């Protein structure tokens, strides 16, 4: 369960940002995780709830948006979502693809309770 280590890393980043800006309490945190990041949203929410006790993020809602794996065909330029791990352009059938989304993991925004 790597969600616990992700939750700890998120909390470190969040705490640092809140200290920089004088924020004492958060209301909501939105995290974006690409499909390939392998994040289980409910496991991350549970882990974050546990590690955030007694911190600026305690009680804050954690929203996790999972973004699909996306690619751009290097032959025809088509942009598409890769479904069922089929790495072939749906328009020209090329396998010359470049991943454009789906492996990211970042904090999208923090909403303060102040």
N, C-alpha and C. Protein backbone atom coordinates (compact mmCIF):
# COMPACT_ATOMS: atom_id res chain seq x y z
N UNK A 1 0.85 -1.18 0.00
CA UNK A 1 0.00 0.00 0.00
C UNK A 1 0.89 1.24 0.00
N UNK A 2 1.19 1.75 -1.18
CA UNK A 2 2.05 2.93 -1.27
C UNK A 2 1.30 4.22 -1.00
N UNK A 3 0.00 4.12 -0.78
CA UNK A 3 -0.80 5.32 -0.50
C UNK A 3 -0.36 5.99 0.80
N UNK A 4 0.12 5.20 1.78
CA UNK A 4 0.58 5.79 3.04
C UNK A 4 1.79 6.69 2.80
N UNK A 5 2.75 6.23 2.01
CA UNK A 5 3.92 7.07 1.73
C UNK A 5 3.54 8.29 0.90
N UNK A 6 2.57 8.14 0.01
CA UNK A 6 2.08 9.29 -0.77
C UNK A 6 1.41 10.28 0.17
N UNK A 7 0.59 9.78 1.09
CA UNK A 7 -0.10 10.66 2.05
C UNK A 7 0.91 11.43 2.90
N UNK A 8 1.97 10.77 3.32
CA UNK A 8 3.00 11.45 4.12
C UNK A 8 3.71 12.53 3.30
N UNK A 9 4.01 12.23 2.05
CA UNK A 9 4.66 13.22 1.18
C UNK A 9 3.74 14.40 0.91
N UNK A 10 2.46 14.12 0.66
CA UNK A 10 1.50 15.20 0.45
C UNK A 10 1.42 16.09 1.69
N UNK A 11 1.37 15.47 2.85
CA UNK A 11 1.27 16.24 4.09
C UNK A 11 2.50 17.13 4.28
N UNK A 12 3.68 16.63 3.95
CA UNK A 12 4.90 17.45 4.05
C UNK A 12 4.79 18.68 3.15
N UNK A 13 4.38 18.48 1.91
CA UNK A 13 4.24 19.60 0.96
C UNK A 13 3.17 20.58 1.42
N UNK A 14 2.05 20.06 1.87
CA UNK A 14 0.95 20.90 2.33
C UNK A 14 1.35 21.72 3.54
N UNK A 15 2.00 21.08 4.49
CA UNK A 15 2.45 21.78 5.71
C UNK A 15 3.41 22.90 5.37
N UNK A 16 4.34 22.62 4.47
CA UNK A 16 5.31 23.64 4.05
C UNK A 16 4.61 24.84 3.41
N UNK A 17 3.67 24.59 2.51
CA UNK A 17 2.94 25.68 1.85
C UNK A 17 2.11 26.48 2.84
N UNK A 18 1.47 25.79 3.75
CA UNK A 18 0.63 26.48 4.74
C UNK A 18 1.49 27.36 5.65
N UNK A 19 2.66 26.88 6.04
CA UNK A 19 3.56 27.68 6.86
C UNK A 19 4.03 28.92 6.11
N UNK A 20 4.35 28.76 4.83
CA UNK A 20 4.80 29.89 4.00
C UNK A 20 3.76 30.99 3.93
N UNK A 21 2.49 30.60 3.88
CA UNK A 21 1.41 31.56 3.66
C UNK A 21 0.59 31.86 4.92
N UNK A 22 1.04 31.37 6.05
CA UNK A 22 0.36 31.65 7.31
C UNK A 22 -1.02 31.03 7.44
N UNK A 23 -1.24 29.92 6.78
CA UNK A 23 -2.54 29.23 6.84
C UNK A 23 -2.56 28.31 8.06
N UNK A 24 -3.63 28.42 8.84
CA UNK A 24 -3.73 27.62 10.06
C UNK A 24 -4.62 26.40 9.92
N UNK A 25 -5.55 26.42 8.97
CA UNK A 25 -6.47 25.30 8.81
C UNK A 25 -6.91 25.19 7.36
N UNK A 26 -7.00 23.96 6.88
CA UNK A 26 -7.47 23.71 5.52
C UNK A 26 -8.87 23.12 5.54
N UNK A 27 -9.63 23.47 4.52
CA UNK A 27 -10.99 22.95 4.36
C UNK A 27 -11.01 21.81 3.34
N UNK A 28 -10.24 21.99 2.24
CA UNK A 28 -10.26 21.01 1.16
C UNK A 28 -8.91 20.96 0.46
N UNK A 29 -8.57 19.76 0.01
CA UNK A 29 -7.34 19.52 -0.74
C UNK A 29 -7.72 18.69 -1.96
N UNK A 30 -7.29 19.14 -3.13
CA UNK A 30 -7.56 18.36 -4.34
C UNK A 30 -6.25 17.84 -4.90
N UNK A 31 -6.21 16.54 -5.12
CA UNK A 31 -5.04 15.86 -5.67
C UNK A 31 -5.44 15.24 -7.01
N UNK A 32 -4.56 15.35 -7.99
CA UNK A 32 -4.77 14.73 -9.30
C UNK A 32 -3.77 13.58 -9.42
N UNK A 33 -4.28 12.40 -9.75
CA UNK A 33 -3.44 11.22 -9.90
C UNK A 33 -3.74 10.56 -11.24
N UNK A 34 -2.72 10.39 -12.04
CA UNK A 34 -2.89 9.69 -13.31
C UNK A 34 -3.14 8.22 -13.07
N UNK A 35 -3.81 7.61 -14.02
CA UNK A 35 -4.14 6.19 -13.93
C UNK A 35 -2.91 5.32 -13.67
N UNK A 36 -1.78 5.66 -14.29
CA UNK A 36 -0.56 4.86 -14.12
C UNK A 36 0.11 5.06 -12.77
N UNK A 37 -0.30 6.08 -12.02
CA UNK A 37 0.27 6.30 -10.69
C UNK A 37 -0.16 5.19 -9.74
N UNK A 38 -1.21 4.48 -10.11
CA UNK A 38 -1.64 3.33 -9.31
C UNK A 38 -2.22 3.69 -7.96
N UNK A 39 -2.77 4.87 -7.85
CA UNK A 39 -3.33 5.33 -6.58
C UNK A 39 -4.77 4.83 -6.44
N UNK A 40 -5.06 4.24 -5.29
CA UNK A 40 -6.43 3.84 -4.97
C UNK A 40 -7.01 4.98 -4.14
N UNK A 41 -7.94 5.75 -4.71
CA UNK A 41 -8.43 6.95 -4.03
C UNK A 41 -8.89 6.73 -2.59
N UNK A 42 -9.65 5.68 -2.34
CA UNK A 42 -10.15 5.45 -0.97
C UNK A 42 -9.01 5.14 -0.01
N UNK A 43 -8.01 4.40 -0.47
CA UNK A 43 -6.86 4.09 0.38
C UNK A 43 -6.05 5.35 0.68
N UNK A 44 -5.92 6.23 -0.32
CA UNK A 44 -5.20 7.49 -0.10
C UNK A 44 -5.97 8.37 0.87
N UNK A 45 -7.27 8.45 0.72
CA UNK A 45 -8.09 9.26 1.63
C UNK A 45 -7.97 8.75 3.06
N UNK A 46 -8.05 7.44 3.24
CA UNK A 46 -7.92 6.86 4.58
C UNK A 46 -6.54 7.15 5.17
N UNK A 47 -5.50 6.91 4.38
CA UNK A 47 -4.13 7.15 4.85
C UNK A 47 -3.92 8.61 5.21
N UNK A 48 -4.45 9.51 4.38
CA UNK A 48 -4.29 10.94 4.64
C UNK A 48 -5.03 11.35 5.91
N UNK A 49 -6.20 10.78 6.12
CA UNK A 49 -6.96 11.09 7.33
C UNK A 49 -6.15 10.72 8.57
N UNK A 50 -5.49 9.58 8.53
CA UNK A 50 -4.69 9.11 9.67
C UNK A 50 -3.47 9.99 9.89
N UNK A 51 -2.69 10.27 8.83
CA UNK A 51 -1.44 11.02 9.00
C UNK A 51 -1.66 12.51 9.26
N UNK A 52 -2.84 13.01 8.91
CA UNK A 52 -3.08 14.46 9.07
C UNK A 52 -3.61 14.83 10.45
N UNK A 53 -3.86 13.84 11.30
CA UNK A 53 -4.35 14.15 12.65
C UNK A 53 -3.37 15.07 13.37
N UNK A 54 -3.91 16.13 13.96
CA UNK A 54 -3.09 17.07 14.71
C UNK A 54 -2.32 18.06 13.85
N UNK A 55 -2.66 18.13 12.56
CA UNK A 55 -1.95 19.05 11.65
C UNK A 55 -2.93 20.06 11.07
N UNK A 56 -2.41 20.96 10.28
CA UNK A 56 -3.21 21.97 9.60
C UNK A 56 -4.25 21.34 8.67
N UNK A 57 -4.02 20.11 8.26
CA UNK A 57 -4.92 19.43 7.32
C UNK A 57 -5.93 18.51 8.00
N UNK A 58 -5.88 18.44 9.32
CA UNK A 58 -6.82 17.56 10.02
C UNK A 58 -8.27 17.96 9.70
N UNK A 59 -9.06 16.97 9.31
CA UNK A 59 -10.47 17.22 9.01
C UNK A 59 -10.75 17.77 7.63
N UNK A 60 -9.71 18.11 6.88
CA UNK A 60 -9.91 18.64 5.52
C UNK A 60 -10.40 17.53 4.59
N UNK A 61 -11.27 17.91 3.68
CA UNK A 61 -11.73 16.96 2.66
C UNK A 61 -10.62 16.75 1.64
N UNK A 62 -10.31 15.50 1.35
CA UNK A 62 -9.33 15.18 0.32
C UNK A 62 -10.08 14.65 -0.90
N UNK A 63 -10.01 15.40 -1.99
CA UNK A 63 -10.62 14.98 -3.25
C UNK A 63 -9.51 14.43 -4.13
N UNK A 64 -9.72 13.25 -4.69
CA UNK A 64 -8.73 12.63 -5.57
C UNK A 64 -9.36 12.44 -6.95
N UNK A 65 -8.81 13.15 -7.94
CA UNK A 65 -9.27 13.00 -9.32
C UNK A 65 -8.29 12.08 -10.04
N UNK A 66 -8.81 10.98 -10.59
CA UNK A 66 -7.97 10.05 -11.34
C UNK A 66 -8.13 10.38 -12.82
N UNK A 67 -7.00 10.70 -13.45
CA UNK A 67 -7.01 11.04 -14.89
C UNK A 67 -6.59 9.82 -15.71
N UNK A 68 -7.26 9.61 -16.84
CA UNK A 68 -6.95 8.45 -17.66
C UNK A 68 -5.61 8.59 -18.39
N UNK A 69 -5.11 7.45 -18.82
CA UNK A 69 -3.89 7.41 -19.63
C UNK A 69 -4.23 7.94 -21.02
N UNK A 70 -3.47 8.94 -21.47
CA UNK A 70 -3.72 9.56 -22.77
C UNK A 70 -2.43 9.58 -23.59
N UNK A 71 -2.60 9.59 -24.90
CA UNK A 71 -1.44 9.59 -25.79
C UNK A 71 -1.72 10.43 -27.03
N UNK A 72 -0.62 10.76 -27.72
CA UNK A 72 -0.68 11.45 -29.01
C UNK A 72 0.05 10.56 -30.01
N UNK A 73 -0.59 10.30 -31.13
CA UNK A 73 0.04 9.50 -32.19
C UNK A 73 1.10 10.36 -32.87
N UNK A 74 2.30 9.83 -32.98
CA UNK A 74 3.40 10.55 -33.61
C UNK A 74 3.31 10.53 -35.13
N UNK A 75 2.44 9.66 -35.68
CA UNK A 75 2.28 9.58 -37.13
C UNK A 75 1.16 10.48 -37.66
N UNK A 76 -0.02 10.43 -37.01
CA UNK A 76 -1.15 11.20 -37.54
C UNK A 76 -1.57 12.37 -36.64
N UNK A 77 -1.02 12.44 -35.43
CA UNK A 77 -1.33 13.55 -34.53
C UNK A 77 -2.60 13.38 -33.72
N UNK A 78 -3.26 12.25 -33.83
CA UNK A 78 -4.50 12.02 -33.07
C UNK A 78 -4.20 11.99 -31.57
N UNK A 79 -5.07 12.62 -30.79
CA UNK A 79 -4.98 12.58 -29.33
C UNK A 79 -6.12 11.70 -28.84
N UNK A 80 -5.82 10.79 -27.91
CA UNK A 80 -6.84 9.84 -27.48
C UNK A 80 -6.51 9.26 -26.11
N UNK A 81 -7.54 8.66 -25.51
CA UNK A 81 -7.40 7.96 -24.24
C UNK A 81 -7.07 6.50 -24.56
N UNK A 82 -6.07 5.98 -23.87
CA UNK A 82 -5.70 4.58 -24.04
C UNK A 82 -6.59 3.75 -23.13
N UNK A 83 -7.36 2.86 -23.73
CA UNK A 83 -8.27 2.01 -22.97
C UNK A 83 -7.81 0.57 -23.04
N UNK A 84 -7.96 -0.13 -21.93
CA UNK A 84 -7.60 -1.55 -21.84
C UNK A 84 -6.15 -1.81 -22.24
N UNK A 85 -5.30 -0.83 -22.00
CA UNK A 85 -3.86 -0.94 -22.28
C UNK A 85 -3.57 -1.32 -23.73
N UNK A 86 -4.39 -0.83 -24.65
CA UNK A 86 -4.17 -1.06 -26.08
C UNK A 86 -3.40 0.13 -26.63
N UNK A 87 -2.11 -0.08 -26.83
CA UNK A 87 -1.20 0.99 -27.26
C UNK A 87 -1.11 1.06 -28.78
N UNK A 88 -2.21 1.46 -29.39
CA UNK A 88 -2.29 1.59 -30.84
C UNK A 88 -3.23 2.74 -31.15
N UNK A 89 -2.84 3.57 -32.10
CA UNK A 89 -3.68 4.71 -32.48
C UNK A 89 -5.01 4.20 -33.05
N UNK A 90 -6.13 4.72 -32.54
CA UNK A 90 -7.43 4.26 -33.05
C UNK A 90 -7.72 4.76 -34.47
N UNK A 91 -6.98 5.78 -34.95
CA UNK A 91 -7.23 6.31 -36.29
C UNK A 91 -6.37 5.65 -37.36
N UNK A 92 -5.04 5.60 -37.11
CA UNK A 92 -4.15 5.07 -38.16
C UNK A 92 -3.50 3.74 -37.79
N UNK A 93 -3.77 3.26 -36.57
CA UNK A 93 -3.26 1.97 -36.07
C UNK A 93 -1.76 1.97 -35.76
N UNK A 94 -1.12 3.12 -35.78
CA UNK A 94 0.31 3.21 -35.48
C UNK A 94 0.56 2.88 -34.00
N UNK A 95 1.75 2.37 -33.74
CA UNK A 95 2.19 2.13 -32.36
C UNK A 95 3.17 3.20 -31.90
N UNK A 96 3.44 4.18 -32.76
CA UNK A 96 4.38 5.26 -32.44
C UNK A 96 3.62 6.34 -31.66
N UNK A 97 3.51 6.13 -30.36
CA UNK A 97 2.71 7.00 -29.50
C UNK A 97 3.59 7.69 -28.47
N UNK A 98 3.12 8.85 -28.04
CA UNK A 98 3.79 9.57 -26.96
C UNK A 98 2.75 9.81 -25.87
N UNK A 99 3.07 9.37 -24.66
CA UNK A 99 2.15 9.56 -23.54
C UNK A 99 2.00 11.04 -23.25
N UNK A 100 0.77 11.51 -23.11
CA UNK A 100 0.53 12.93 -22.83
C UNK A 100 -0.08 13.16 -21.45
N UNK A 101 -0.61 12.13 -20.84
CA UNK A 101 -1.18 12.24 -19.50
C UNK A 101 -1.41 10.83 -18.96
N UNK A 102 -1.51 10.76 -17.64
CA UNK A 102 -1.85 9.49 -17.04
C UNK A 102 -0.86 8.98 -16.02
N UNK A 103 0.30 9.65 -15.90
CA UNK A 103 1.27 9.21 -14.89
C UNK A 103 1.56 10.30 -13.86
N UNK A 104 0.79 11.39 -13.92
CA UNK A 104 1.02 12.51 -13.03
C UNK A 104 0.48 12.24 -11.61
N UNK A 105 1.02 12.98 -10.66
CA UNK A 105 0.53 12.98 -9.29
C UNK A 105 0.91 14.33 -8.70
N UNK A 106 -0.10 15.17 -8.45
CA UNK A 106 0.19 16.50 -7.92
C UNK A 106 -0.98 17.06 -7.13
N UNK A 107 -0.68 18.07 -6.32
CA UNK A 107 -1.71 18.79 -5.58
C UNK A 107 -2.24 19.86 -6.52
N UNK A 108 -3.53 19.81 -6.82
CA UNK A 108 -4.15 20.78 -7.72
C UNK A 108 -4.43 22.09 -6.98
N UNK A 109 -5.02 21.99 -5.80
CA UNK A 109 -5.25 23.20 -5.01
C UNK A 109 -5.51 22.87 -3.54
N UNK A 110 -5.34 23.90 -2.72
CA UNK A 110 -5.64 23.84 -1.29
C UNK A 110 -6.68 24.92 -1.02
N UNK A 111 -7.74 24.57 -0.32
CA UNK A 111 -8.77 25.54 0.05
C UNK A 111 -8.68 25.76 1.55
N UNK A 112 -8.49 27.01 1.94
CA UNK A 112 -8.33 27.31 3.36
C UNK A 112 -9.68 27.42 4.06
N UNK A 113 -9.66 27.18 5.36
CA UNK A 113 -10.87 27.29 6.18
C UNK A 113 -10.96 28.67 6.81
N UNK A 114 -9.94 29.48 6.63
CA UNK A 114 -9.91 30.82 7.25
C UNK A 114 -10.87 31.77 6.59
